[in-house]
Amino acid sequence: MMLEKNVFIGRNVLIDPGYNWLVSIGNNSVLSYGTIVLAHDGSLRNYTGYTRVGKVSIGSNENLKLGF
């Protein structure tokens, strides 16, 4: 995982534990309480036999919040 300057990561934030090395977060960004950042998608694994994995880049001055 690559973090730039002034990044705030709130409580109960989950950054993909299996693929956190694919996540980068830019300057002055905020990940608020309960945010989940995933670098993999296993929703089609039962059909294709594969899990999709890719880089996640959160830019500078971003504010990610828990959504319902």
PDB file of N, CA and C in Angstrom:
ATOM      1  N   MET A   1       0.848  -1.166   0.000  1.00  0.00           N
ATOM      2  CA  MET A   1       0.000   0.000   0.000  1.00  0.00           C
ATOM      3  C   MET A   1       0.892   1.228   0.000  1.00  0.00           C
ATOM      4  N   MET A   2       0.556   2.185  -0.845  1.00  0.00           N
ATOM      5  CA  MET A   2       1.323   3.422  -0.910  1.00  0.00           C
ATOM      6  C   MET A   2       0.460   4.576  -0.409  1.00  0.00           C
ATOM      7  N   LEU A   3       0.913   5.233   0.638  1.00  0.00           N
ATOM      8  CA  LEU A   3       0.209   6.388   1.191  1.00  0.00           C
ATOM      9  C   LEU A   3       1.048   7.632   0.967  1.00  0.00           C
ATOM     10  N   GLU A   4       0.408   8.690   0.481  1.00  0.00           N
ATOM     11  CA  GLU A   4       1.108   9.961   0.324  1.00  0.00           C
ATOM     12  C   GLU A   4       0.908  10.797   1.583  1.00  0.00           C
ATOM     13  N   LYS A   5       1.162  12.090   1.516  1.00  0.00           N
ATOM     14  CA  LYS A   5       1.125  12.964   2.690  1.00  0.00           C
ATOM     15  C   LYS A   5      -0.313  13.258   3.133  1.00  0.00           C
ATOM     16  N   ASN A   6      -0.478  13.436   4.445  1.00  0.00           N
ATOM     17  CA  ASN A   6      -1.733  13.877   5.053  1.00  0.00           C
ATOM     18  C   ASN A   6      -2.907  12.968   4.728  1.00  0.00           C
ATOM     19  N   VAL A   7      -2.712  11.668   4.786  1.00  0.00           N
ATOM     20  CA  VAL A   7      -3.797  10.709   4.575  1.00  0.00           C
ATOM     21  C   VAL A   7      -4.369  10.336   5.933  1.00  0.00           C
ATOM     22  N   PHE A   8      -5.702  10.406   6.050  1.00  0.00           N
ATOM     23  CA  PHE A   8      -6.372  10.014   7.281  1.00  0.00           C
ATOM     24  C   PHE A   8      -7.181   8.753   7.016  1.00  0.00           C
ATOM     25  N   ILE A   9      -6.945   7.729   7.825  1.00  0.00           N
ATOM     26  CA  ILE A   9      -7.703   6.486   7.724  1.00  0.00           C
ATOM     27  C   ILE A   9      -8.440   6.302   9.041  1.00  0.00           C
ATOM     28  N   GLY A  10      -9.782   6.352   8.971  1.00  0.00           N
ATOM     29  CA  GLY A  10     -10.614   6.282  10.167  1.00  0.00           C
ATOM     30  C   GLY A  10     -10.717   4.887  10.752  1.00  0.00           C
ATOM     31  N   ARG A  11     -11.470   4.803  11.834  1.00  0.00           N
ATOM     32  CA  ARG A  11     -11.680   3.523  12.503  1.00  0.00           C
ATOM     33  C   ARG A  11     -12.502   2.584  11.632  1.00  0.00           C
ATOM     34  N   ASN A  12     -12.280   1.302  11.807  1.00  0.00           N
ATOM     35  CA  ASN A  12     -13.021   0.247  11.112  1.00  0.00           C
ATOM     36  C   ASN A  12     -12.935   0.334   9.597  1.00  0.00           C
ATOM     37  N   VAL A  13     -11.876   0.929   9.080  1.00  0.00           N
ATOM     38  CA  VAL A  13     -11.630   0.947   7.625  1.00  0.00           C
ATOM     39  C   VAL A  13     -10.956  -0.362   7.255  1.00  0.00           C
ATOM     40  N   LEU A  14     -11.424  -0.990   6.177  1.00  0.00           N
ATOM     41  CA  LEU A  14     -10.821  -2.228   5.702  1.00  0.00           C
ATOM     42  C   LEU A  14     -10.192  -1.979   4.337  1.00  0.00           C
ATOM     43  N   ILE A  15      -8.891  -2.176   4.258  1.00  0.00           N
ATOM     44  CA  ILE A  15      -8.180  -2.102   2.982  1.00  0.00           C
ATOM     45  C   ILE A  15      -7.744  -3.522   2.672  1.00  0.00           C
ATOM     46  N   ASP A  16      -8.221  -4.033   1.564  1.00  0.00           N
ATOM     47  CA  ASP A  16      -8.082  -5.429   1.151  1.00  0.00           C
ATOM     48  C   ASP A  16      -6.838  -6.097   1.738  1.00  0.00           C
ATOM     49  N   PRO A  17      -6.999  -6.978   2.741  1.00  0.00           N
ATOM     50  CA  PRO A  17      -5.843  -7.568   3.393  1.00  0.00           C
ATOM     51  C   PRO A  17      -5.022  -8.490   2.496  1.00  0.00           C
ATOM     52  N   GLY A  18      -5.636  -9.075   1.481  1.00  0.00           N
ATOM     53  CA  GLY A  18      -4.912  -9.971   0.600  1.00  0.00           C
ATOM     54  C   GLY A  18      -4.189  -9.277  -0.534  1.00  0.00           C
ATOM     55  N   TYR A  19      -4.625  -8.057  -0.854  1.00  0.00           N
ATOM     56  CA  TYR A  19      -4.069  -7.338  -2.008  1.00  0.00           C
ATOM     57  C   TYR A  19      -3.792  -5.877  -1.688  1.00  0.00           C
ATOM     58  N   ASN A  20      -3.473  -5.567  -0.429  1.00  0.00           N
ATOM     59  CA  ASN A  20      -3.272  -4.154  -0.063  1.00  0.00           C
ATOM     60  C   ASN A  20      -2.095  -3.514  -0.784  1.00  0.00           C
ATOM     61  N   TRP A  21      -1.185  -4.304  -1.306  1.00  0.00           N
ATOM     62  CA  TRP A  21      -0.044  -3.773  -2.059  1.00  0.00           C
ATOM     63  C   TRP A  21      -0.476  -3.189  -3.408  1.00  0.00           C
ATOM     64  N   LEU A  22      -1.730  -3.397  -3.802  1.00  0.00           N
ATOM     65  CA  LEU A  22      -2.252  -2.833  -5.054  1.00  0.00           C
ATOM     66  C   LEU A  22      -2.997  -1.513  -4.830  1.00  0.00           C
ATOM     67  N   VAL A  23      -3.044  -1.030  -3.598  1.00  0.00           N
ATOM     68  CA  VAL A  23      -3.808   0.174  -3.263  1.00  0.00           C
ATOM     69  C   VAL A  23      -2.864   1.354  -3.048  1.00  0.00           C
ATOM     70  N   SER A  24      -3.178   2.493  -3.685  1.00  0.00           N
ATOM     71  CA  SER A  24      -2.440   3.731  -3.435  1.00  0.00           C
ATOM     72  C   SER A  24      -3.438   4.844  -3.108  1.00  0.00           C
ATOM     73  N   ILE A  25      -3.055   5.695  -2.161  1.00  0.00           N
ATOM     74  CA  ILE A  25      -3.925   6.777  -1.699  1.00  0.00           C
ATOM     75  C   ILE A  25      -3.144   8.078  -1.779  1.00  0.00           C
ATOM     76  N   GLY A  26      -3.724   9.069  -2.472  1.00  0.00           N
ATOM     77  CA  GLY A  26      -3.060  10.346  -2.721  1.00  0.00           C
ATOM     78  C   GLY A  26      -3.078  11.315  -1.549  1.00  0.00           C
ATOM     79  N   ASN A  27      -2.415  12.440  -1.747  1.00  0.00           N
ATOM     80  CA  ASN A  27      -2.287  13.500  -0.738  1.00  0.00           C
ATOM     81  C   ASN A  27      -3.646  13.994  -0.246  1.00  0.00           C
ATOM     82  N   ASN A  28      -3.695  14.327   1.035  1.00  0.00           N
ATOM     83  CA  ASN A  28      -4.847  14.989   1.646  1.00  0.00           C
ATOM     84  C   ASN A  28      -6.155  14.227   1.475  1.00  0.00           C
ATOM     85  N   SER A  29      -6.103  12.908   1.458  1.00  0.00           N
ATOM     86  CA  SER A  29      -7.309  12.104   1.289  1.00  0.00           C
ATOM     87  C   SER A  29      -7.780  11.556   2.628  1.00  0.00           C
ATOM     88  N   VAL A  30      -9.103  11.293   2.698  1.00  0.00           N
ATOM     89  CA  VAL A  30      -9.727  10.807   3.925  1.00  0.00           C
ATOM     90  C   VAL A  30     -10.529   9.556   3.610  1.00  0.00           C
ATOM     91  N   LEU A  31     -10.307   8.503   4.379  1.00  0.00           N
ATOM     92  CA  LEU A  31     -11.149   7.314   4.337  1.00  0.00           C
ATOM     93  C   LEU A  31     -11.884   7.284   5.668  1.00  0.00           C
ATOM     94  N   SER A  32     -13.169   7.606   5.631  1.00  0.00           N
ATOM     95  CA  SER A  32     -13.950   7.741   6.851  1.00  0.00           C
ATOM     96  C   SER A  32     -14.348   6.393   7.427  1.00  0.00           C
ATOM     97  N   TYR A  33     -14.911   6.442   8.615  1.00  0.00           N
ATOM     98  CA  TYR A  33     -15.324   5.274   9.386  1.00  0.00           C
ATOM     99  C   TYR A  33     -16.039   4.235   8.512  1.00  0.00           C
ATOM    100  N   GLY A  34     -15.562   2.994   8.568  1.00  0.00           N
ATOM    101  CA  GLY A  34     -16.247   1.878   7.932  1.00  0.00           C
ATOM    102  C   GLY A  34     -16.045   1.715   6.439  1.00  0.00           C
ATOM    103  N   THR A  35     -15.216   2.539   5.832  1.00  0.00           N
ATOM    104  CA  THR A  35     -14.975   2.440   4.392  1.00  0.00           C
ATOM    105  C   THR A  35     -14.268   1.126   4.076  1.00  0.00           C
ATOM    106  N   ILE A  36     -14.648   0.499   2.958  1.00  0.00           N
ATOM    107  CA  ILE A  36     -14.012  -0.741   2.514  1.00  0.00           C
ATOM    108  C   ILE A  36     -13.406  -0.503   1.141  1.00  0.00           C
ATOM    109  N   VAL A  37     -12.119  -0.805   0.999  1.00  0.00           N
ATOM    110  CA  VAL A  37     -11.416  -0.663  -0.278  1.00  0.00           C
ATOM    111  C   VAL A  37     -10.957  -2.058  -0.694  1.00  0.00           C
ATOM    112  N   LEU A  38     -11.475  -2.558  -1.814  1.00  0.00           N
ATOM    113  CA  LEU A  38     -11.121  -3.892  -2.305  1.00  0.00           C
ATOM    114  C   LEU A  38     -10.368  -3.802  -3.623  1.00  0.00           C
ATOM    115  N   ALA A  39      -9.357  -4.645  -3.767  1.00  0.00           N
ATOM    116  CA  ALA A  39      -8.594  -4.722  -5.013  1.00  0.00           C
ATOM    117  C   ALA A  39      -8.899  -6.031  -5.733  1.00  0.00           C
ATOM    118  N   HIS A  40      -9.917  -6.741  -5.251  1.00  0.00           N
ATOM    119  CA  HIS A  40     -10.295  -8.001  -5.903  1.00  0.00           C
ATOM    120  C   HIS A  40     -11.813  -8.097  -6.004  1.00  0.00           C
ATOM    121  N   ASP A  41     -12.275  -8.890  -6.950  1.00  0.00           N
ATOM    122  CA  ASP A  41     -13.701  -9.131  -7.134  1.00  0.00           C
ATOM    123  C   ASP A  41     -13.889 -10.615  -7.413  1.00  0.00           C
ATOM    124  N   GLY A  42     -14.451 -11.328  -6.468  1.00  0.00           N
ATOM    125  CA  GLY A  42     -14.645 -12.762  -6.623  1.00  0.00           C
ATOM    126  C   GLY A  42     -16.068 -13.144  -6.991  1.00  0.00           C
ATOM    127  N   SER A  43     -16.880 -12.173  -7.403  1.00  0.00           N
ATOM    128  CA  SER A  43     -18.295 -12.442  -7.656  1.00  0.00           C
ATOM    129  C   SER A  43     -18.550 -13.419  -8.797  1.00  0.00           C
ATOM    130  N   LEU A  44     -17.655 -13.528  -9.746  1.00  0.00           N
ATOM    131  CA  LEU A  44     -17.851 -14.442 -10.876  1.00  0.00           C
ATOM    132  C   LEU A  44     -17.005 -15.713 -10.770  1.00  0.00           C
ATOM    133  N   ARG A  45     -16.344 -15.885  -9.640  1.00  0.00           N
ATOM    134  CA  ARG A  45     -15.442 -17.027  -9.504  1.00  0.00           C
ATOM    135  C   ARG A  45     -16.135 -18.374  -9.722  1.00  0.00           C
ATOM    136  N   ASN A  46     -17.364 -18.517  -9.241  1.00  0.00           N
ATOM    137  CA  ASN A  46     -18.087 -19.776  -9.413  1.00  0.00           C
ATOM    138  C   ASN A  46     -18.377 -20.077 -10.884  1.00  0.00           C
ATOM    139  N   TYR A  47     -18.464 -19.043 -11.707  1.00  0.00           N
ATOM    140  CA  TYR A  47     -18.782 -19.225 -13.124  1.00  0.00           C
ATOM    141  C   TYR A  47     -17.549 -19.306 -14.011  1.00  0.00           C
ATOM    142  N   THR A  48     -16.528 -18.503 -13.688  1.00  0.00           N
ATOM    143  CA  THR A  48     -15.347 -18.429 -14.551  1.00  0.00           C
ATOM    144  C   THR A  48     -14.139 -19.177 -13.984  1.00  0.00           C
ATOM    145  N   GLY A  49     -14.147 -19.401 -12.671  1.00  0.00           N
ATOM    146  CA  GLY A  49     -13.002 -20.022 -12.028  1.00  0.00           C
ATOM    147  C   GLY A  49     -11.904 -19.034 -11.674  1.00  0.00           C
ATOM    148  N   TYR A  50     -12.152 -17.750 -11.925  1.00  0.00           N
ATOM    149  CA  TYR A  50     -11.139 -16.723 -11.686  1.00  0.00           C
ATOM    150  C   TYR A  50     -11.664 -15.633 -10.760  1.00  0.00           C
ATOM    151  N   THR A  51     -10.740 -15.029 -10.031  1.00  0.00           N
ATOM    152  CA  THR A  51     -11.025 -13.830  -9.256  1.00  0.00           C
ATOM    153  C   THR A  51     -10.345 -12.668  -9.953  1.00  0.00           C
ATOM    154  N   ARG A  52     -11.096 -11.606 -10.173  1.00  0.00           N
ATOM    155  CA  ARG A  52     -10.534 -10.426 -10.838  1.00  0.00           C
ATOM    156  C   ARG A  52      -9.761  -9.600  -9.813  1.00  0.00           C
ATOM    157  N   VAL A  53      -8.525  -9.236 -10.156  1.00  0.00           N
ATOM    158  CA  VAL A  53      -7.657  -8.462  -9.271  1.00  0.00           C
ATOM    159  C   VAL A  53      -7.096  -7.289 -10.062  1.00  0.00           C
ATOM    160  N   GLY A  54      -7.053  -6.087  -9.450  1.00  0.00           N
ATOM    161  CA  GLY A  54      -6.513  -4.930 -10.149  1.00  0.00           C
ATOM    162  C   GLY A  54      -6.080  -3.837  -9.191  1.00  0.00           C
ATOM    163  N   LYS A  55      -5.344  -2.875  -9.726  1.00  0.00           N
ATOM    164  CA  LYS A  55      -4.866  -1.741  -8.936  1.00  0.00           C
ATOM    165  C   LYS A  55      -6.024  -0.822  -8.566  1.00  0.00           C
ATOM    166  N   VAL A  56      -5.936  -0.255  -7.377  1.00  0.00           N
ATOM    167  CA  VAL A  56      -6.896   0.745  -6.912  1.00  0.00           C
ATOM    168  C   VAL A  56      -6.106   2.005  -6.611  1.00  0.00           C
ATOM    169  N   SER A  57      -6.458   3.090  -7.282  1.00  0.00           N
ATOM    170  CA  SER A  57      -5.775   4.357  -7.078  1.00  0.00           C
ATOM    171  C   SER A  57      -6.793   5.397  -6.600  1.00  0.00           C
ATOM    172  N   ILE A  58      -6.642   5.841  -5.365  1.00  0.00           N
ATOM    173  CA  ILE A  58      -7.482   6.891  -4.805  1.00  0.00           C
ATOM    174  C   ILE A  58      -6.676   8.171  -4.937  1.00  0.00           C
ATOM    175  N   GLY A  59      -7.197   9.131  -5.671  1.00  0.00           N
ATOM    176  CA  GLY A  59      -6.459  10.346  -5.979  1.00  0.00           C
ATOM    177  C   GLY A  59      -6.250  11.264  -4.786  1.00  0.00           C
ATOM    178  N   SER A  60      -5.695  12.423  -5.067  1.00  0.00           N
ATOM    179  CA  SER A  60      -5.462  13.437  -4.038  1.00  0.00           C
ATOM    180  C   SER A  60      -6.751  14.172  -3.722  1.00  0.00           C
ATOM    181  N   ASN A  61      -6.866  14.650  -2.490  1.00  0.00           N
ATOM    182  CA  ASN A  61      -8.009  15.434  -2.021  1.00  0.00           C
ATOM    183  C   ASN A  61      -9.337  14.704  -2.152  1.00  0.00           C
ATOM    184  N   GLU A  62      -9.325  13.397  -1.943  1.00  0.00           N
ATOM    185  CA  GLU A  62     -10.548  12.579  -2.012  1.00  0.00           C
ATOM    186  C   GLU A  62     -11.085  12.363  -0.613  1.00  0.00           C
ATOM    187  N   ASN A  63     -12.414  12.198  -0.524  1.00  0.00           N
ATOM    188  CA  ASN A  63     -13.079  11.932   0.751  1.00  0.00           C
ATOM    189  C   ASN A  63     -14.024  10.761   0.543  1.00  0.00           C
ATOM    190  N   LEU A  64     -13.631   9.575   1.005  1.00  0.00           N
ATOM    191  CA  LEU A  64     -14.448   8.381   0.851  1.00  0.00           C
ATOM    192  C   LEU A  64     -15.195   8.119   2.151  1.00  0.00           C
ATOM    193  N   LYS A  65     -16.493   7.863   2.021  1.00  0.00           N
ATOM    194  CA  LYS A  65     -17.337   7.659   3.205  1.00  0.00           C
ATOM    195  C   LYS A  65     -18.108   6.353   3.077  1.00  0.00           C
ATOM    196  N   LEU A  66     -18.508   5.841   4.220  1.00  0.00           N
ATOM    197  CA  LEU A  66     -19.330   4.646   4.269  1.00  0.00           C
ATOM    198  C   LEU A  66     -20.680   4.957   3.645  1.00  0.00           C
ATOM    199  N   GLY A  67     -21.109   4.111   2.724  1.00  0.00           N
ATOM    200  CA  GLY A  67     -22.414   4.319   2.090  1.00  0.00           C
ATOM    201  C   GLY A  67     -23.391   3.232   2.463  1.00  0.00           C
ATOM    202  N   PHE A  68     -24.636   3.567   2.442  1.00  0.00           N
ATOM    203  CA  PHE A  68     -25.693   2.594   2.759  1.00  0.00           C
ATOM    204  C   PHE A  68     -26.559   2.393   1.562  1.00  0.00           C
TER     205      PHE A  68
END
